[in-house]
């Protein structure tokens, strides 16, 4: 239930910025969703590599100062929080599986919002 609530919190703001009032092409939809998948992948990879939560949040705050996009900042913050709530693993194969599943969750959730 917690993950459903988190995903709705993540993708409702995305809806307002990623889903324009005019229909978009399948290619554009895929491009938008791949961006969120890549962001999730990067955040989880940094977490798995030992980046402290505070450093991830500071990097997000710094990005907001350079490119003022409050919606993207909120989305990134939610992805960071979700990543750091996940358990940590030391086995490379399990880490890779976690990385794949985490980033796929954001891609699939994004694509679902267009339906």
Foldseek 3Di string as FASTA:
>chain_A
DVVVVLLCVLVVLVCVVQPDPDDDDPVSLLVVQVVQLVLLLVLLVCVQVPDDLVVQLVVLVVVCVVPVDVSVSVNSNSSNVVSVVDDHDDDPVVSVVVSVVRSVVSSVSSSVVSD
